[in-house]
Amino acid sequence: MAIEMKFYKNYVEIGLNILRYRKERGLTQMQLAELAGLSRNHIQKVETAAAVPSLSALMQIAKALDIPVSRLLEHTSSSF
């Protein structure tokens, strides 16, 4: 899926939120991927905004991080 440039900043912020919560929990990308049922490559791409996560992937990541999915979207709503 091509990344829409008008939402790129939002994708960067989502990726940074995932990275922050993952590191706060002391998890590697591989550990988060295993907990979320996703590939490490997908986690890496989402964290760096090289891929756009689906709603399902965001829900899986949030569950693995034990946070509401809304936390992953913080500071992004103003740009939508």
N, C-alpha and C. Protein backbone atom coordinates (compact mmCIF):
# COMPACT_ATOMS: atom_id res chain seq x y z
N MET A 1 0.84 -1.17 0.00
CA MET A 1 0.00 0.00 0.00
C MET A 1 0.89 1.24 0.00
N ALA A 2 0.63 2.15 -0.92
CA ALA A 2 1.40 3.39 -0.98
C ALA A 2 0.99 4.30 0.17
N ILE A 3 1.95 4.96 0.74
CA ILE A 3 1.67 5.86 1.85
C ILE A 3 1.20 7.20 1.31
N GLU A 4 0.02 7.63 1.75
CA GLU A 4 -0.50 8.93 1.35
C GLU A 4 0.30 10.02 2.05
N MET A 5 0.88 10.90 1.28
CA MET A 5 1.76 11.92 1.84
C MET A 5 1.02 12.87 2.79
N LYS A 6 -0.26 13.13 2.55
CA LYS A 6 -0.97 14.07 3.41
C LYS A 6 -1.14 13.53 4.82
N PHE A 7 -1.02 12.21 5.00
CA PHE A 7 -1.14 11.60 6.33
C PHE A 7 0.20 11.11 6.86
N TYR A 8 1.28 11.37 6.14
CA TYR A 8 2.58 10.82 6.53
C TYR A 8 2.97 11.20 7.95
N LYS A 9 2.74 12.45 8.35
CA LYS A 9 3.09 12.88 9.71
C LYS A 9 2.35 12.03 10.74
N ASN A 10 1.10 11.70 10.46
CA ASN A 10 0.33 10.86 11.38
C ASN A 10 0.95 9.47 11.50
N TYR A 11 1.39 8.92 10.38
CA TYR A 11 1.99 7.59 10.41
C TYR A 11 3.31 7.61 11.19
N VAL A 12 4.06 8.69 11.04
CA VAL A 12 5.30 8.84 11.80
C VAL A 12 4.99 8.87 13.29
N GLU A 13 3.97 9.64 13.68
CA GLU A 13 3.60 9.74 15.09
C GLU A 13 3.11 8.41 15.65
N ILE A 14 2.33 7.68 14.88
CA ILE A 14 1.87 6.35 15.31
C ILE A 14 3.08 5.45 15.53
N GLY A 15 4.00 5.45 14.58
CA GLY A 15 5.21 4.63 14.71
C GLY A 15 6.03 5.00 15.93
N LEU A 16 6.17 6.29 16.17
CA LEU A 16 6.93 6.74 17.35
C LEU A 16 6.23 6.34 18.65
N ASN A 17 4.90 6.38 18.65
CA ASN A 17 4.15 5.95 19.83
C ASN A 17 4.38 4.46 20.09
N ILE A 18 4.34 3.66 19.04
CA ILE A 18 4.58 2.22 19.20
C ILE A 18 5.99 2.00 19.74
N LEU A 19 6.95 2.67 19.15
CA LEU A 19 8.34 2.55 19.59
C LEU A 19 8.49 2.93 21.07
N ARG A 20 7.88 4.04 21.46
CA ARG A 20 7.98 4.51 22.85
C ARG A 20 7.39 3.50 23.82
N TYR A 21 6.18 3.02 23.55
CA TYR A 21 5.54 2.07 24.46
C TYR A 21 6.28 0.73 24.47
N ARG A 22 6.81 0.34 23.33
CA ARG A 22 7.58 -0.91 23.26
C ARG A 22 8.83 -0.81 24.13
N LYS A 23 9.56 0.30 24.00
CA LYS A 23 10.78 0.48 24.79
C LYS A 23 10.48 0.64 26.27
N GLU A 24 9.38 1.33 26.61
CA GLU A 24 8.98 1.46 28.02
C GLU A 24 8.76 0.09 28.66
N ARG A 25 8.31 -0.86 27.86
CA ARG A 25 8.05 -2.20 28.37
C ARG A 25 9.26 -3.13 28.23
N GLY A 26 10.35 -2.59 27.71
CA GLY A 26 11.58 -3.37 27.59
C GLY A 26 11.50 -4.48 26.57
N LEU A 27 10.69 -4.27 25.53
CA LEU A 27 10.51 -5.28 24.49
C LEU A 27 11.35 -4.98 23.25
N THR A 28 11.83 -6.01 22.62
CA THR A 28 12.47 -5.87 21.31
C THR A 28 11.37 -5.89 20.25
N GLN A 29 11.72 -5.52 19.04
CA GLN A 29 10.75 -5.61 17.95
C GLN A 29 10.29 -7.05 17.78
N MET A 30 11.20 -8.00 17.92
CA MET A 30 10.84 -9.41 17.76
C MET A 30 9.86 -9.85 18.85
N GLN A 31 10.12 -9.43 20.08
CA GLN A 31 9.22 -9.80 21.18
C GLN A 31 7.83 -9.21 20.97
N LEU A 32 7.76 -7.94 20.57
CA LEU A 32 6.47 -7.32 20.31
C LEU A 32 5.77 -8.04 19.15
N ALA A 33 6.51 -8.34 18.12
CA ALA A 33 5.94 -9.04 16.97
C ALA A 33 5.32 -10.37 17.39
N GLU A 34 6.04 -11.12 18.21
CA GLU A 34 5.53 -12.41 18.67
C GLU A 34 4.28 -12.24 19.51
N LEU A 35 4.28 -11.26 20.41
CA LEU A 35 3.11 -11.01 21.26
C LEU A 35 1.90 -10.56 20.44
N ALA A 36 2.16 -9.80 19.38
CA ALA A 36 1.08 -9.25 18.56
C ALA A 36 0.67 -10.18 17.41
N GLY A 37 1.45 -11.22 17.17
CA GLY A 37 1.14 -12.12 16.06
C GLY A 37 1.44 -11.51 14.71
N LEU A 38 2.46 -10.65 14.67
CA LEU A 38 2.88 -9.99 13.44
C LEU A 38 4.35 -10.31 13.19
N SER A 39 4.85 -9.96 12.02
CA SER A 39 6.27 -10.18 11.74
C SER A 39 7.10 -9.04 12.32
N ARG A 40 8.35 -9.34 12.64
CA ARG A 40 9.26 -8.31 13.12
C ARG A 40 9.45 -7.25 12.04
N ASN A 41 9.50 -7.69 10.80
CA ASN A 41 9.67 -6.77 9.69
C ASN A 41 8.50 -5.77 9.62
N HIS A 42 7.29 -6.25 9.87
CA HIS A 42 6.13 -5.36 9.85
C HIS A 42 6.21 -4.34 10.99
N ILE A 43 6.59 -4.79 12.18
CA ILE A 43 6.74 -3.88 13.32
C ILE A 43 7.77 -2.81 12.98
N GLN A 44 8.90 -3.22 12.42
CA GLN A 44 9.97 -2.28 12.06
C GLN A 44 9.47 -1.26 11.04
N LYS A 45 8.73 -1.72 10.04
CA LYS A 45 8.23 -0.81 9.01
C LYS A 45 7.20 0.16 9.56
N VAL A 46 6.34 -0.31 10.46
CA VAL A 46 5.33 0.58 11.06
C VAL A 46 6.01 1.61 11.96
N GLU A 47 6.99 1.18 12.75
CA GLU A 47 7.68 2.13 13.64
C GLU A 47 8.41 3.22 12.87
N THR A 48 8.84 2.93 11.66
CA THR A 48 9.58 3.91 10.86
C THR A 48 8.72 4.56 9.78
N ALA A 49 7.41 4.32 9.83
CA ALA A 49 6.45 4.87 8.87
C ALA A 49 6.74 4.45 7.43
N ALA A 50 7.37 3.29 7.28
CA ALA A 50 7.60 2.74 5.94
C ALA A 50 6.41 1.90 5.50
N ALA A 51 5.50 1.62 6.43
CA ALA A 51 4.27 0.89 6.13
C ALA A 51 3.14 1.48 6.97
N VAL A 52 1.95 1.42 6.42
CA VAL A 52 0.76 1.91 7.12
C VAL A 52 0.10 0.71 7.81
N PRO A 53 -0.06 0.77 9.13
CA PRO A 53 -0.67 -0.36 9.83
C PRO A 53 -2.18 -0.40 9.60
N SER A 54 -2.71 -1.60 9.47
CA SER A 54 -4.16 -1.76 9.40
C SER A 54 -4.74 -1.55 10.79
N LEU A 55 -6.04 -1.37 10.85
CA LEU A 55 -6.70 -1.25 12.15
C LEU A 55 -6.49 -2.53 12.95
N SER A 56 -6.57 -3.66 12.29
CA SER A 56 -6.35 -4.94 12.96
C SER A 56 -4.95 -5.01 13.56
N ALA A 57 -3.94 -4.59 12.81
CA ALA A 57 -2.56 -4.60 13.31
C ALA A 57 -2.41 -3.66 14.50
N LEU A 58 -3.02 -2.48 14.43
CA LEU A 58 -2.95 -1.54 15.55
C LEU A 58 -3.59 -2.14 16.80
N MET A 59 -4.71 -2.84 16.62
CA MET A 59 -5.38 -3.46 17.75
C MET A 59 -4.53 -4.57 18.35
N GLN A 60 -3.87 -5.36 17.50
CA GLN A 60 -2.99 -6.43 17.97
C GLN A 60 -1.79 -5.85 18.73
N ILE A 61 -1.22 -4.79 18.19
CA ILE A 61 -0.07 -4.15 18.84
C ILE A 61 -0.48 -3.56 20.18
N ALA A 62 -1.61 -2.86 20.21
CA ALA A 62 -2.09 -2.27 21.46
C ALA A 62 -2.34 -3.34 22.51
N LYS A 63 -2.94 -4.44 22.11
CA LYS A 63 -3.20 -5.54 23.05
C LYS A 63 -1.88 -6.09 23.58
N ALA A 64 -0.91 -6.27 22.69
CA ALA A 64 0.40 -6.80 23.10
C ALA A 64 1.11 -5.85 24.07
N LEU A 65 0.88 -4.55 23.89
CA LEU A 65 1.50 -3.54 24.76
C LEU A 65 0.65 -3.26 26.00
N ASP A 66 -0.54 -3.87 26.06
CA ASP A 66 -1.47 -3.70 27.18
C ASP A 66 -1.87 -2.24 27.36
N ILE A 67 -2.23 -1.62 26.23
CA ILE A 67 -2.71 -0.23 26.25
C ILE A 67 -3.92 -0.13 25.33
N PRO A 68 -4.76 0.89 25.53
CA PRO A 68 -5.86 1.12 24.60
C PRO A 68 -5.29 1.56 23.24
N VAL A 69 -5.93 1.15 22.17
CA VAL A 69 -5.44 1.52 20.84
C VAL A 69 -5.38 3.05 20.68
N SER A 70 -6.22 3.76 21.40
CA SER A 70 -6.21 5.23 21.31
C SER A 70 -4.86 5.83 21.69
N ARG A 71 -4.12 5.16 22.56
CA ARG A 71 -2.79 5.66 22.95
C ARG A 71 -1.84 5.68 21.75
N LEU A 72 -2.02 4.75 20.83
CA LEU A 72 -1.15 4.72 19.66
C LEU A 72 -1.46 5.86 18.70
N LEU A 73 -2.65 6.44 18.84
CA LEU A 73 -3.09 7.51 17.95
C LEU A 73 -2.94 8.89 18.57
N GLU A 74 -2.38 8.98 19.76
CA GLU A 74 -2.22 10.27 20.43
C GLU A 74 -1.44 11.26 19.57
N HIS A 75 -1.89 12.50 19.60
CA HIS A 75 -1.25 13.62 18.88
C HIS A 75 -1.38 13.49 17.37
N THR A 76 -2.30 12.64 16.91
CA THR A 76 -2.47 12.52 15.46
C THR A 76 -3.82 13.06 15.00
N SER A 77 -4.79 13.17 15.89
CA SER A 77 -6.14 13.54 15.47
C SER A 77 -6.23 14.95 14.89
N SER A 78 -5.38 15.86 15.31
CA SER A 78 -5.45 17.24 14.82
C SER A 78 -5.11 17.36 13.35
N SER A 79 -4.41 16.38 12.79
CA SER A 79 -4.00 16.45 11.39
C SER A 79 -5.01 15.79 10.45
N PHE A 80 -6.00 15.09 10.99
CA PHE A 80 -6.94 14.37 10.13
C PHE A 80 -7.98 15.27 9.55
